[in-house]
Amino acid sequence: MYERFWEKVSPEPNSGCWLWVGAANHLGYGQLWNGTKVIIATHFSWEYHNGPIPDGLWALHKCDTPPCVNPRHLFIGNCS
């Protein structure tokens, strides 16, 4: 699964974003099949690089770029 993740990542040199070039939902967030279900690529990236996301929280963007999966551009927080 990790290899498939990297196949869908395209670094953007000006912003530092790692743009997801695979499937995306209607809001522009990347989607990845984990063999059982579709997961958000941003969440996969956070967990891959930093560990589990606590229940009730989300991986959110500092860069406000939905397809970005760069863990340095993400933080854990509440959507409300």
Protein backbone atom coordinates (compact mmCIF):
# COMPACT_ATOMS: atom_id res chain seq x y z
CA MET A 1 0.00 0.00 0.00
CA TYR A 2 2.88 2.36 0.76
CA GLU A 3 4.28 1.92 -2.73
CA ARG A 4 0.87 2.76 -4.24
CA PHE A 5 0.75 5.88 -2.04
CA TRP A 6 4.09 7.16 -3.39
CA GLU A 7 3.05 6.41 -6.99
CA LYS A 8 0.23 8.96 -6.59
CA VAL A 9 2.29 11.76 -4.99
CA SER A 10 3.71 14.61 -7.09
CA PRO A 11 5.83 17.18 -5.20
CA GLU A 12 5.08 20.79 -6.14
CA PRO A 13 8.38 22.72 -5.85
CA ASN A 14 7.03 26.23 -5.23
CA SER A 15 4.61 25.52 -2.38
CA GLY A 16 6.20 22.40 -0.95
CA CYS A 17 2.87 20.60 -1.29
CA TRP A 18 2.88 16.93 -2.18
CA LEU A 19 -0.06 16.83 -4.55
CA TRP A 20 -2.19 13.71 -4.72
CA VAL A 21 -2.67 12.80 -8.39
CA GLY A 22 -4.83 9.71 -7.83
CA ALA A 23 -8.56 9.45 -7.29
CA ALA A 24 -10.23 12.26 -5.38
CA ASN A 25 -13.62 12.91 -3.81
CA HIS A 26 -15.97 15.73 -4.82
CA LEU A 27 -14.10 18.16 -2.51
CA GLY A 28 -10.70 17.44 -4.06
CA TYR A 29 -9.32 15.29 -1.23
CA GLY A 30 -7.35 12.28 -2.40
CA GLN A 31 -8.75 8.81 -1.90
CA LEU A 32 -6.87 5.56 -1.46
CA TRP A 33 -8.16 1.97 -1.34
CA ASN A 34 -6.60 0.09 1.59
CA GLY A 35 -7.91 -3.30 0.47
CA THR A 36 -11.04 -3.04 2.61
CA LYS A 37 -12.35 0.50 2.23
CA VAL A 38 -11.63 3.90 0.73
CA ILE A 39 -9.64 6.19 3.00
CA ILE A 40 -8.67 9.84 2.65
CA ALA A 41 -5.08 10.14 1.37
CA THR A 42 -4.38 13.01 3.79
CA HIS A 43 -5.28 10.78 6.75
CA PHE A 44 -3.19 7.93 5.36
CA SER A 45 -0.21 10.27 4.99
CA TRP A 46 -0.54 11.58 8.55
CA GLU A 47 -0.76 8.09 10.01
CA TYR A 48 2.06 6.77 7.82
CA HIS A 49 4.41 9.54 8.94
CA ASN A 50 3.17 10.33 12.47
CA GLY A 51 0.99 7.56 13.86
CA PRO A 52 -2.73 7.20 14.53
CA ILE A 53 -5.18 10.07 14.49
CA PRO A 54 -7.14 10.16 17.77
CA ASP A 55 -10.86 9.39 17.55
CA GLY A 56 -12.96 12.43 16.73
CA LEU A 57 -10.08 14.39 15.21
CA TRP A 58 -8.94 14.95 11.61
CA ALA A 59 -5.78 15.60 9.65
CA LEU A 60 -6.22 19.22 8.56
CA HIS A 61 -4.23 21.39 6.13
CA LYS A 62 -2.09 24.39 7.04
CA CYS A 63 -1.75 25.05 3.30
CA ASP A 64 -5.51 24.91 2.51
CA THR A 65 -4.77 22.66 -0.48
CA PRO A 66 -7.11 19.62 -0.40
CA PRO A 67 -4.92 17.33 -2.57
CA CYS A 68 -1.80 18.01 -0.46
CA VAL A 69 -0.51 14.99 1.48
CA ASN A 70 2.74 16.51 2.80
CA PRO A 71 2.76 15.66 6.52
CA ARG A 72 4.58 18.94 7.26
CA HIS A 73 1.51 20.77 5.90
CA LEU A 74 -0.88 18.83 8.15
CA PHE A 75 -1.96 19.12 11.76
CA ILE A 76 -4.46 17.28 13.90
CA GLY A 77 -7.58 19.15 14.94
CA ASN A 78 -11.34 19.39 15.02
CA CYS A 79 -13.32 20.40 11.95
CA SER A 80 -15.73 22.61 13.84
